[in-house]
């Protein structure tokens, strides 16, 4: 299943006008992400994603970190996100279910029609039934741990990254008293 994301001429004109800022914005997002990673790595209960050696550059259209509730008096992630938003930090839980839990895989006949399994069988020579597939680690991470920050957060100054880290520290300090 997919969508049509072709640009209109108007959208293309806006994009073309903004391309001159792309390199500077990419560099700023990378510098701010590196700084925020340093700050977050000092907070127990927060895990930043490991940067693989083969990755030479990241655009940081998203910045994802893992929230480990045990380090925050078992405060549920939904409450953590709510508290971050209350502190002015725009966040998202990201994908709330792992890919095998998506309706396309769990209920393919409803998503694709009668010959749904044919869509998954050409590479394997047989129909693939994903309904029994479980990925417990991915499911837990999607349901309980991921926190997304959008790229716009990283277009500011280092002080803005300090605001993110300080908001997390404030939530941590008050987590035991949050119902």
N, C-alpha and C. Protein backbone atom coordinates (compact mmCIF):
# COMPACT_ATOMS: atom_id res chain seq x y z
N UNK A 1 0.85 -1.16 0.00
CA UNK A 1 0.00 0.00 0.00
C UNK A 1 0.89 1.23 0.00
N UNK A 2 0.55 2.16 -0.80
CA UNK A 2 1.37 3.36 -0.87
C UNK A 2 0.50 4.56 -1.23
N UNK A 3 1.11 5.70 -1.21
CA UNK A 3 0.42 6.94 -1.49
C UNK A 3 1.11 7.65 -2.65
N UNK A 4 0.44 8.63 -3.21
CA UNK A 4 0.97 9.42 -4.30
C UNK A 4 1.51 10.72 -3.71
N UNK A 5 2.83 10.84 -3.67
CA UNK A 5 3.45 12.03 -3.10
C UNK A 5 4.12 12.90 -4.16
N UNK A 6 3.62 12.88 -5.36
CA UNK A 6 4.18 13.75 -6.38
C UNK A 6 3.92 15.21 -6.04
N UNK A 7 4.92 16.03 -6.29
CA UNK A 7 4.81 17.46 -5.99
C UNK A 7 4.02 18.18 -7.06
N UNK A 8 3.30 19.21 -6.63
CA UNK A 8 2.68 20.12 -7.59
C UNK A 8 3.77 21.10 -8.04
N UNK A 9 3.50 21.86 -9.08
CA UNK A 9 4.47 22.87 -9.53
C UNK A 9 4.71 23.91 -8.45
N UNK A 10 3.67 24.28 -7.74
CA UNK A 10 3.80 25.27 -6.67
C UNK A 10 4.70 24.73 -5.56
N UNK A 11 4.48 23.50 -5.14
CA UNK A 11 5.32 22.90 -4.11
C UNK A 11 6.78 22.81 -4.57
N UNK A 12 6.97 22.46 -5.82
CA UNK A 12 8.33 22.36 -6.36
C UNK A 12 9.02 23.73 -6.36
N UNK A 13 8.28 24.78 -6.66
CA UNK A 13 8.86 26.13 -6.65
C UNK A 13 9.27 26.52 -5.24
N UNK A 14 8.44 26.21 -4.25
CA UNK A 14 8.80 26.49 -2.85
C UNK A 14 10.03 25.70 -2.44
N UNK A 15 10.07 24.45 -2.80
CA UNK A 15 11.22 23.61 -2.46
C UNK A 15 12.49 24.12 -3.12
N UNK A 16 12.41 24.49 -4.36
CA UNK A 16 13.58 25.01 -5.08
C UNK A 16 14.12 26.26 -4.40
N UNK A 17 13.22 27.13 -3.95
CA UNK A 17 13.65 28.35 -3.28
C UNK A 17 14.36 28.05 -1.96
N UNK A 18 13.98 26.97 -1.30
CA UNK A 18 14.58 26.63 -0.01
C UNK A 18 15.84 25.81 -0.10
N UNK A 19 16.17 25.27 -1.26
CA UNK A 19 17.35 24.41 -1.38
C UNK A 19 18.65 25.13 -1.05
N UNK A 20 18.69 26.41 -1.21
CA UNK A 20 19.89 27.17 -0.90
C UNK A 20 20.24 27.15 0.59
N UNK A 21 19.25 26.89 1.43
CA UNK A 21 19.47 26.82 2.88
C UNK A 21 19.75 25.41 3.38
N UNK A 22 19.63 24.42 2.51
CA UNK A 22 19.70 23.02 2.93
C UNK A 22 21.02 22.67 3.62
N UNK A 23 22.13 23.03 3.03
CA UNK A 23 23.43 22.64 3.60
C UNK A 23 23.64 23.25 4.99
N UNK A 24 23.35 24.52 5.13
CA UNK A 24 23.53 25.17 6.43
C UNK A 24 22.60 24.57 7.47
N UNK A 25 21.36 24.28 7.08
CA UNK A 25 20.42 23.69 8.02
C UNK A 25 20.84 22.26 8.40
N UNK A 26 21.35 21.51 7.45
CA UNK A 26 21.82 20.15 7.73
C UNK A 26 22.98 20.18 8.71
N UNK A 27 23.89 21.10 8.51
CA UNK A 27 25.04 21.22 9.42
C UNK A 27 24.58 21.64 10.82
N UNK A 28 23.65 22.56 10.89
CA UNK A 28 23.14 23.00 12.20
C UNK A 28 22.43 21.86 12.92
N UNK A 29 21.58 21.11 12.20
CA UNK A 29 20.89 19.99 12.83
C UNK A 29 21.88 18.95 13.33
N UNK A 30 22.92 18.67 12.56
CA UNK A 30 23.93 17.68 12.98
C UNK A 30 24.68 18.15 14.22
N UNK A 31 25.06 19.41 14.25
CA UNK A 31 25.79 19.94 15.42
C UNK A 31 24.89 19.92 16.66
N UNK A 32 23.65 20.34 16.51
CA UNK A 32 22.73 20.34 17.64
C UNK A 32 22.40 18.92 18.11
N UNK A 33 22.26 18.00 17.17
CA UNK A 33 22.00 16.60 17.54
C UNK A 33 23.18 16.02 18.29
N UNK A 34 24.39 16.32 17.85
CA UNK A 34 25.59 15.82 18.54
C UNK A 34 25.64 16.38 19.97
N UNK A 35 25.33 17.65 20.12
CA UNK A 35 25.34 18.28 21.44
C UNK A 35 24.25 17.68 22.33
N UNK A 36 23.04 17.52 21.79
CA UNK A 36 21.96 16.93 22.58
C UNK A 36 22.30 15.49 22.97
N UNK A 37 22.91 14.75 22.08
CA UNK A 37 23.31 13.38 22.40
C UNK A 37 24.25 13.35 23.59
N UNK A 38 25.22 14.27 23.61
CA UNK A 38 26.13 14.36 24.76
C UNK A 38 25.36 14.62 26.04
N UNK A 39 24.41 15.53 25.98
CA UNK A 39 23.62 15.87 27.18
C UNK A 39 22.76 14.68 27.62
N UNK A 40 22.07 14.04 26.67
CA UNK A 40 21.16 12.95 27.02
C UNK A 40 21.91 11.72 27.53
N UNK A 41 23.13 11.51 27.04
CA UNK A 41 23.92 10.36 27.49
C UNK A 41 24.27 10.45 28.97
N UNK A 42 24.11 11.61 29.56
CA UNK A 42 24.39 11.81 30.98
C UNK A 42 23.17 11.57 31.86
N UNK A 43 22.03 11.29 31.25
CA UNK A 43 20.78 11.12 32.01
C UNK A 43 20.44 9.64 32.10
N UNK A 44 20.44 9.12 33.32
CA UNK A 44 20.06 7.72 33.53
C UNK A 44 18.59 7.54 33.14
N UNK A 45 18.30 6.52 32.36
CA UNK A 45 16.94 6.27 31.91
C UNK A 45 16.68 6.76 30.50
N UNK A 46 17.66 7.41 29.90
CA UNK A 46 17.57 7.84 28.50
C UNK A 46 18.71 7.17 27.75
N UNK A 47 18.37 6.58 26.61
CA UNK A 47 19.39 5.95 25.75
C UNK A 47 19.31 6.56 24.36
N UNK A 48 20.42 7.08 23.92
CA UNK A 48 20.47 7.62 22.57
C UNK A 48 20.82 6.49 21.61
N UNK A 49 20.52 6.68 20.36
CA UNK A 49 20.82 5.66 19.36
C UNK A 49 22.30 5.67 19.03
N UNK A 50 22.84 4.51 18.85
CA UNK A 50 24.26 4.38 18.51
C UNK A 50 24.46 4.82 17.06
N UNK A 51 25.49 5.59 16.84
CA UNK A 51 25.85 6.00 15.48
C UNK A 51 26.80 4.94 14.91
N UNK A 52 26.42 4.33 13.84
CA UNK A 52 27.26 3.31 13.20
C UNK A 52 28.43 3.98 12.50
N UNK A 53 29.58 3.31 12.51
CA UNK A 53 30.78 3.89 11.91
C UNK A 53 30.64 4.15 10.41
N UNK A 54 29.85 3.33 9.74
CA UNK A 54 29.72 3.49 8.29
C UNK A 54 28.84 4.69 7.91
N UNK A 55 28.10 5.24 8.86
CA UNK A 55 27.26 6.42 8.58
C UNK A 55 28.14 7.66 8.69
N UNK A 56 28.31 8.34 7.58
CA UNK A 56 29.18 9.51 7.56
C UNK A 56 28.42 10.82 7.74
N UNK A 57 27.10 10.75 7.58
CA UNK A 57 26.30 11.97 7.71
C UNK A 57 24.85 11.60 7.99
N UNK A 58 24.19 12.42 8.80
CA UNK A 58 22.79 12.19 9.13
C UNK A 58 22.07 13.53 8.98
N UNK A 59 20.95 13.52 8.31
CA UNK A 59 20.21 14.77 8.11
C UNK A 59 19.37 15.15 9.33
N UNK A 60 19.16 14.23 10.22
CA UNK A 60 18.35 14.44 11.42
C UNK A 60 16.99 15.04 11.08
N UNK A 61 16.32 14.45 10.10
CA UNK A 61 14.93 14.85 9.89
C UNK A 61 14.09 14.37 11.07
N UNK A 62 14.59 13.35 11.78
CA UNK A 62 14.05 12.89 13.05
C UNK A 62 15.21 12.60 13.98
N UNK A 63 15.01 12.85 15.24
CA UNK A 63 15.97 12.46 16.26
C UNK A 63 15.21 11.54 17.20
N UNK A 64 15.68 10.32 17.34
CA UNK A 64 14.98 9.32 18.14
C UNK A 64 15.87 8.91 19.31
N UNK A 65 15.26 8.88 20.49
CA UNK A 65 15.96 8.31 21.63
C UNK A 65 15.01 7.37 22.36
N UNK A 66 15.58 6.55 23.24
CA UNK A 66 14.79 5.59 23.99
C UNK A 66 14.60 6.08 25.42
N UNK A 67 13.36 6.02 25.85
CA UNK A 67 12.97 6.38 27.20
C UNK A 67 12.80 5.09 27.99
N UNK A 68 13.58 4.94 29.03
CA UNK A 68 13.51 3.75 29.88
C UNK A 68 12.79 4.15 31.16
N UNK A 69 11.53 3.82 31.26
CA UNK A 69 10.70 4.25 32.38
C UNK A 69 11.25 3.89 33.74
N UNK A 70 12.02 2.81 33.83
CA UNK A 70 12.57 2.41 35.12
C UNK A 70 13.45 3.52 35.71
N UNK A 71 14.09 4.29 34.87
CA UNK A 71 14.93 5.39 35.35
C UNK A 71 14.13 6.62 35.74
N UNK A 72 12.80 6.56 35.56
CA UNK A 72 11.92 7.68 35.85
C UNK A 72 10.76 7.21 36.75
N UNK A 73 11.09 6.41 37.74
CA UNK A 73 10.10 5.89 38.69
C UNK A 73 8.94 5.20 37.98
N UNK A 74 9.25 4.53 36.88
CA UNK A 74 8.27 3.78 36.07
C UNK A 74 7.15 4.65 35.51
N UNK A 75 7.43 5.91 35.31
CA UNK A 75 6.47 6.82 34.68
C UNK A 75 6.19 6.32 33.27
N UNK A 76 4.94 6.08 32.90
CA UNK A 76 4.64 5.60 31.54
C UNK A 76 5.12 6.60 30.48
N UNK A 77 5.50 6.08 29.35
CA UNK A 77 6.00 6.95 28.28
C UNK A 77 4.97 8.00 27.89
N UNK A 78 3.69 7.65 27.87
CA UNK A 78 2.66 8.63 27.49
C UNK A 78 2.69 9.83 28.43
N UNK A 79 2.88 9.59 29.71
CA UNK A 79 2.96 10.69 30.69
C UNK A 79 4.26 11.47 30.50
N UNK A 80 5.34 10.77 30.20
CA UNK A 80 6.62 11.43 29.93
C UNK A 80 6.48 12.37 28.74
N UNK A 81 5.87 11.89 27.67
CA UNK A 81 5.67 12.73 26.48
C UNK A 81 4.77 13.92 26.80
N UNK A 82 3.73 13.67 27.57
CA UNK A 82 2.82 14.75 27.96
C UNK A 82 3.57 15.82 28.76
N UNK A 83 4.43 15.37 29.68
CA UNK A 83 5.20 16.30 30.49
C UNK A 83 6.20 17.08 29.62
N UNK A 84 6.83 16.42 28.67
CA UNK A 84 7.75 17.13 27.76
C UNK A 84 7.00 18.20 26.98
N UNK A 85 5.83 17.87 26.48
CA UNK A 85 5.03 18.86 25.74
C UNK A 85 4.65 20.03 26.63
N UNK A 86 4.33 19.73 27.89
CA UNK A 86 3.98 20.79 28.84
C UNK A 86 5.17 21.71 29.09
N UNK A 87 6.38 21.18 28.91
CA UNK A 87 7.59 21.99 29.05
C UNK A 87 7.95 22.70 27.74
N UNK A 88 7.12 22.54 26.72
CA UNK A 88 7.35 23.22 25.45
C UNK A 88 8.23 22.46 24.47
N UNK A 89 8.44 21.17 24.73
CA UNK A 89 9.27 20.35 23.84
C UNK A 89 8.32 19.53 22.96
N UNK A 90 8.29 19.80 21.66
CA UNK A 90 7.39 19.04 20.78
C UNK A 90 7.93 17.63 20.55
N UNK A 91 7.15 16.63 20.93
CA UNK A 91 7.58 15.24 20.82
C UNK A 91 6.50 14.38 20.21
N UNK A 92 6.90 13.19 19.85
CA UNK A 92 5.98 12.19 19.31
C UNK A 92 6.43 10.82 19.79
N UNK A 93 5.50 9.89 19.95
CA UNK A 93 5.91 8.53 20.29
C UNK A 93 6.46 7.77 19.09
N UNK A 94 6.34 8.35 17.91
CA UNK A 94 6.80 7.66 16.70
C UNK A 94 5.85 6.54 16.33
N UNK A 95 6.42 5.48 15.78
CA UNK A 95 5.59 4.32 15.41
C UNK A 95 5.14 3.64 16.69
N UNK A 96 3.84 3.50 16.85
CA UNK A 96 3.32 2.91 18.08
C UNK A 96 3.14 1.41 17.97
N UNK A 97 3.44 0.85 16.81
CA UNK A 97 3.41 -0.61 16.65
C UNK A 97 4.50 -1.03 15.68
N UNK A 98 5.03 -2.21 15.90
CA UNK A 98 6.06 -2.75 15.03
C UNK A 98 5.45 -3.12 13.68
N UNK A 99 6.24 -3.16 12.65
CA UNK A 99 5.74 -3.41 11.30
C UNK A 99 4.89 -4.67 11.19
N UNK A 100 5.28 -5.81 11.76
CA UNK A 100 4.42 -6.99 11.62
C UNK A 100 3.04 -6.85 12.27
N UNK A 101 2.86 -5.84 13.12
CA UNK A 101 1.56 -5.61 13.74
C UNK A 101 0.65 -4.73 12.88
N UNK A 102 1.18 -4.19 11.79
CA UNK A 102 0.40 -3.31 10.91
C UNK A 102 -0.74 -4.10 10.27
N UNK A 103 -1.91 -3.48 10.10
CA UNK A 103 -3.04 -4.18 9.48
C UNK A 103 -2.73 -4.80 8.11
N UNK A 104 -1.81 -4.20 7.38
CA UNK A 104 -1.44 -4.77 6.09
C UNK A 104 -0.94 -6.20 6.25
N UNK A 105 -0.26 -6.47 7.35
CA UNK A 105 0.28 -7.81 7.60
C UNK A 105 -0.66 -8.66 8.46
N UNK A 106 -1.33 -8.05 9.41
CA UNK A 106 -2.23 -8.81 10.29
C UNK A 106 -3.53 -9.19 9.60
N UNK A 107 -4.04 -8.31 8.74
CA UNK A 107 -5.32 -8.55 8.06
C UNK A 107 -5.17 -8.21 6.58
N UNK A 108 -4.30 -8.94 5.86
CA UNK A 108 -4.01 -8.58 4.47
C UNK A 108 -5.22 -8.65 3.54
N UNK A 109 -6.15 -9.57 3.80
CA UNK A 109 -7.31 -9.67 2.93
C UNK A 109 -8.14 -8.40 2.98
N UNK A 110 -8.25 -7.79 4.17
CA UNK A 110 -8.98 -6.54 4.28
C UNK A 110 -8.23 -5.40 3.61
N UNK A 111 -6.89 -5.44 3.70
CA UNK A 111 -6.09 -4.35 3.15
C UNK A 111 -5.91 -4.47 1.64
N UNK A 112 -5.73 -5.70 1.16
CA UNK A 112 -5.38 -5.89 -0.25
C UNK A 112 -6.41 -6.65 -1.07
N UNK A 113 -7.41 -7.22 -0.43
CA UNK A 113 -8.42 -7.97 -1.16
C UNK A 113 -8.18 -9.47 -1.13
N UNK A 114 -8.94 -10.19 -1.93
CA UNK A 114 -8.96 -11.64 -1.92
C UNK A 114 -7.60 -12.31 -2.14
N UNK A 115 -6.80 -11.78 -3.02
CA UNK A 115 -5.52 -12.42 -3.35
C UNK A 115 -4.38 -11.77 -2.58
N UNK A 116 -4.65 -11.40 -1.34
CA UNK A 116 -3.69 -10.66 -0.54
C UNK A 116 -2.37 -11.38 -0.38
N UNK A 117 -2.40 -12.65 -0.09
CA UNK A 117 -1.15 -13.36 0.18
C UNK A 117 -0.27 -13.47 -1.05
N UNK A 118 -0.85 -13.30 -2.22
CA UNK A 118 -0.03 -13.31 -3.44
C UNK A 118 0.97 -12.16 -3.42
N UNK A 119 0.61 -11.06 -2.76
CA UNK A 119 1.51 -9.92 -2.68
C UNK A 119 2.77 -10.25 -1.89
N UNK A 120 2.69 -11.24 -1.01
CA UNK A 120 3.83 -11.60 -0.17
C UNK A 120 4.50 -12.90 -0.60
N UNK A 121 4.04 -13.51 -1.68
CA UNK A 121 4.53 -14.85 -2.00
C UNK A 121 5.50 -14.91 -3.17
N UNK A 122 5.59 -13.88 -3.99
CA UNK A 122 6.40 -13.99 -5.21
C UNK A 122 7.87 -14.26 -4.90
N UNK A 123 8.41 -13.70 -3.84
CA UNK A 123 9.83 -13.87 -3.54
C UNK A 123 10.12 -15.21 -2.89
N UNK A 124 9.11 -15.83 -2.31
CA UNK A 124 9.34 -17.05 -1.54
C UNK A 124 8.73 -18.28 -2.19
N UNK A 125 7.95 -18.09 -3.26
CA UNK A 125 7.35 -19.21 -3.95
C UNK A 125 6.18 -19.82 -3.20
N UNK A 126 5.76 -19.18 -2.14
CA UNK A 126 4.61 -19.66 -1.37
C UNK A 126 3.99 -18.47 -0.63
N UNK A 127 2.75 -18.64 -0.24
CA UNK A 127 2.09 -17.58 0.51
C UNK A 127 2.73 -17.45 1.89
N UNK A 128 2.93 -16.23 2.33
CA UNK A 128 3.51 -15.95 3.63
C UNK A 128 2.39 -15.41 4.52
N UNK A 129 2.20 -16.03 5.66
CA UNK A 129 1.19 -15.58 6.61
C UNK A 129 1.89 -14.91 7.78
N UNK A 130 1.81 -13.59 7.85
CA UNK A 130 2.50 -12.81 8.88
C UNK A 130 1.72 -12.72 10.19
N UNK A 131 0.51 -13.27 10.20
CA UNK A 131 -0.32 -13.12 11.40
C UNK A 131 0.30 -13.75 12.64
N UNK A 132 1.15 -14.73 12.47
CA UNK A 132 1.78 -15.38 13.61
C UNK A 132 3.15 -14.82 13.96
N UNK A 133 3.61 -13.85 13.18
CA UNK A 133 4.95 -13.29 13.41
C UNK A 133 4.91 -12.37 14.63
N UNK A 134 5.83 -12.56 15.52
CA UNK A 134 5.95 -11.70 16.70
C UNK A 134 7.39 -11.20 16.79
N UNK A 135 7.53 -9.95 17.10
CA UNK A 135 8.84 -9.32 17.30
C UNK A 135 8.78 -8.61 18.64
N UNK A 136 8.94 -9.35 19.74
CA UNK A 136 8.68 -8.77 21.06
C UNK A 136 9.55 -7.57 21.42
N UNK A 137 10.79 -7.57 20.99
CA UNK A 137 11.65 -6.43 21.33
C UNK A 137 11.18 -5.18 20.57
N UNK A 138 10.95 -5.33 19.27
CA UNK A 138 10.47 -4.20 18.48
C UNK A 138 9.11 -3.73 18.97
N UNK A 139 8.25 -4.67 19.33
CA UNK A 139 6.93 -4.30 19.83
C UNK A 139 7.04 -3.49 21.13
N UNK A 140 7.90 -3.93 22.04
CA UNK A 140 8.08 -3.21 23.31
C UNK A 140 8.66 -1.81 23.06
N UNK A 141 9.65 -1.74 22.21
CA UNK A 141 10.28 -0.44 21.93
C UNK A 141 9.27 0.53 21.33
N UNK A 142 8.49 0.07 20.36
CA UNK A 142 7.48 0.94 19.74
C UNK A 142 6.41 1.35 20.74
N UNK A 143 6.01 0.44 21.58
CA UNK A 143 4.90 0.69 22.52
C UNK A 143 5.31 1.51 23.74
N UNK A 144 6.58 1.36 24.20
CA UNK A 144 6.95 1.91 25.49
C UNK A 144 8.16 2.84 25.52
N UNK A 145 9.02 2.82 24.49
CA UNK A 145 10.32 3.45 24.68
C UNK A 145 10.68 4.58 23.73
N UNK A 146 10.25 4.56 22.50
CA UNK A 146 10.75 5.56 21.55
C UNK A 146 10.15 6.94 21.78
N UNK A 147 11.01 7.92 21.61
CA UNK A 147 10.61 9.33 21.66
C UNK A 147 11.22 9.99 20.44
N UNK A 148 10.40 10.68 19.68
CA UNK A 148 10.86 11.35 18.47
C UNK A 148 10.83 12.86 18.67
N UNK A 149 11.87 13.51 18.19
CA UNK A 149 11.91 14.96 18.07
C UNK A 149 12.05 15.26 16.58
N UNK A 150 11.29 16.22 16.10
CA UNK A 150 11.36 16.54 14.66
C UNK A 150 12.54 17.43 14.35
N UNK A 151 12.88 17.48 13.09
CA UNK A 151 14.04 18.24 12.64
C UNK A 151 13.97 19.71 12.98
N UNK A 152 12.78 20.26 13.10
CA UNK A 152 12.67 21.69 13.39
C UNK A 152 13.25 22.03 14.76
N UNK A 153 13.23 21.09 15.70
CA UNK A 153 13.81 21.31 17.03
C UNK A 153 15.30 21.61 16.91
N UNK A 154 15.95 21.07 15.90
CA UNK A 154 17.40 21.15 15.77
C UNK A 154 17.87 22.32 14.92
N UNK A 155 16.95 23.18 14.51
CA UNK A 155 17.34 24.36 13.73
C UNK A 155 17.63 25.56 14.62
N UNK A 156 17.46 25.38 15.92
CA UNK A 156 17.72 26.47 16.86
C UNK A 156 19.17 26.51 17.29
N UNK A 157 19.39 26.98 18.51
CA UNK A 157 20.74 27.13 19.06
C UNK A 157 21.00 26.03 20.08
N UNK A 158 22.24 25.95 20.54
CA UNK A 158 22.60 24.96 21.56
C UNK A 158 21.76 25.17 22.82
N UNK A 159 21.39 26.40 23.11
CA UNK A 159 20.53 26.67 24.27
C UNK A 159 19.22 25.90 24.17
N UNK A 160 18.71 25.73 22.95
CA UNK A 160 17.47 24.98 22.77
C UNK A 160 17.68 23.51 23.12
N UNK A 161 18.86 22.98 22.84
CA UNK A 161 19.16 21.59 23.20
C UNK A 161 19.26 21.47 24.72
N UNK A 162 19.80 22.52 25.34
CA UNK A 162 19.84 22.55 26.81
C UNK A 162 18.42 22.53 27.37
N UNK A 163 17.50 23.24 26.71
CA UNK A 163 16.11 23.25 27.17
C UNK A 163 15.51 21.85 27.13
N UNK A 164 15.82 21.08 26.08
CA UNK A 164 15.32 19.71 25.98
C UNK A 164 15.86 18.88 27.13
N UNK A 165 17.18 18.92 27.33
CA UNK A 165 17.81 18.13 28.39
C UNK A 165 17.30 18.56 29.77
N UNK A 166 17.17 19.86 29.99
CA UNK A 166 16.70 20.34 31.29
C UNK A 166 15.25 19.94 31.54
N UNK A 167 14.43 19.92 30.50
CA UNK A 167 13.04 19.48 30.65
C UNK A 167 13.00 18.01 31.07
N UNK A 168 13.85 17.20 30.46
CA UNK A 168 13.90 15.78 30.81
C UNK A 168 14.38 15.61 32.25
N UNK A 169 15.39 16.36 32.65
CA UNK A 169 15.87 16.29 34.03
C UNK A 169 14.79 16.73 35.02
N UNK A 170 14.01 17.74 34.67
CA UNK A 170 12.93 18.21 35.53
C UNK A 170 11.87 17.12 35.70
N UNK A 171 11.53 16.47 34.59
CA UNK A 171 10.54 15.38 34.66
C UNK A 171 11.08 14.26 35.53
N UNK A 172 12.34 13.93 35.35
CA UNK A 172 12.96 12.87 36.14
C UNK A 172 12.91 13.20 37.63
N UNK A 173 13.20 14.45 37.97
CA UNK A 173 13.21 14.86 39.38
C UNK A 173 11.83 14.78 40.01
N UNK A 174 10.77 14.97 39.20
CA UNK A 174 9.42 14.97 39.73
C UNK A 174 8.64 13.70 39.40
N UNK A 175 9.28 12.74 38.75
CA UNK A 175 8.57 11.55 38.27
C UNK A 175 7.92 10.75 39.39
N UNK A 176 8.57 10.63 40.51
CA UNK A 176 8.02 9.82 41.60
C UNK A 176 6.69 10.39 42.11
N UNK A 177 6.50 11.68 41.98
CA UNK A 177 5.27 12.30 42.46
C UNK A 177 4.18 12.42 41.42
N UNK A 178 4.45 11.96 40.18
CA UNK A 178 3.45 12.07 39.10
C UNK A 178 2.60 10.80 39.12
N UNK A 179 1.25 10.93 39.18
CA UNK A 179 0.39 9.72 39.19
C UNK A 179 0.42 8.99 37.88
